[in-house]
Protein backbone atom coordinates (compact mmCIF):
# COMPACT_ATOMS: atom_id res chain seq x y z
CA MET A 1 -0.20 0.12 0.02
CA THR A 2 1.40 3.39 -0.91
CA LEU A 3 1.22 6.37 1.28
CA LEU A 4 -1.18 7.83 -0.94
CA ASP A 5 -3.18 4.81 -1.04
CA LYS A 6 -2.69 4.41 3.18
CA ARG A 7 -4.07 8.34 3.28
CA ALA A 8 -7.20 7.93 1.36
CA PHE A 9 -8.18 4.78 2.94
CA TYR A 10 -8.26 6.64 6.55
CA LEU A 11 -9.99 9.27 4.39
CA PHE A 12 -12.21 6.70 3.52
CA GLU A 13 -12.80 5.39 7.22
CA VAL A 14 -13.60 8.74 8.50
CA SER A 15 -16.00 9.13 5.67
CA SER A 16 -17.52 5.57 6.43
CA CYS A 17 -17.62 5.58 11.00
CA GLY A 18 -18.60 9.03 10.44
CA GLY A 19 -15.47 11.47 12.23
CA ILE A 20 -11.74 10.93 13.33
CA ARG A 21 -11.98 9.29 16.18
CA ALA A 22 -14.63 6.56 15.10
CA ALA A 23 -12.32 5.88 12.35
CA ALA A 24 -9.62 5.91 15.23
CA GLU A 25 -11.11 3.22 17.11
CA HIS A 26 -12.42 1.40 14.36
CA LEU A 27 -8.55 1.35 12.82
CA HIS A 28 -7.38 0.99 16.64
CA ILE A 29 -5.07 3.86 15.88
CA ASN A 30 -4.35 7.40 17.37
CA PRO A 31 -6.92 9.82 16.52
CA SER A 32 -4.43 12.05 15.19
CA VAL A 33 -2.83 9.80 13.55
CA VAL A 34 -6.11 10.16 11.43
CA SER A 35 -6.21 13.72 11.27
CA ARG A 36 -2.82 14.12 10.23
CA GLN A 37 -3.90 12.58 6.73
CA ALA A 38 -6.62 14.77 5.75
CA PRO A 39 -4.84 18.14 4.33
CA SER A 40 -2.29 15.51 3.30
CA VAL A 41 -4.76 13.83 1.25
CA ARG A 42 -6.94 16.92 0.29
CA MET A 43 -3.36 17.94 -1.62
CA SER A 44 -2.77 15.56 -3.68
CA VAL A 45 -6.65 15.39 -4.87
CA ALA A 46 -7.20 18.90 -5.18
CA PRO A 47 -4.21 21.80 -5.07
CA SER A 48 -6.55 24.28 -4.89
CA ASP A 49 -9.72 25.18 -1.96
CA THR A 50 -12.51 24.40 -5.03
CA LEU A 51 -13.03 20.49 -4.24
CA PHE A 52 -13.75 21.11 -0.53
CA LEU A 53 -15.95 24.22 -0.12
């Protein structure tokens, strides 16, 4: 799994679980790990802020 794949997976889990804390609990990791990945995925997918307005 590449780094971008892992970040996208975390973002998917956040969406599926309804939040960062729930996703982290589901993945058995610290919520800060998940929350740090979201901006990275966002910049990889859409460098401008137009996608997330």
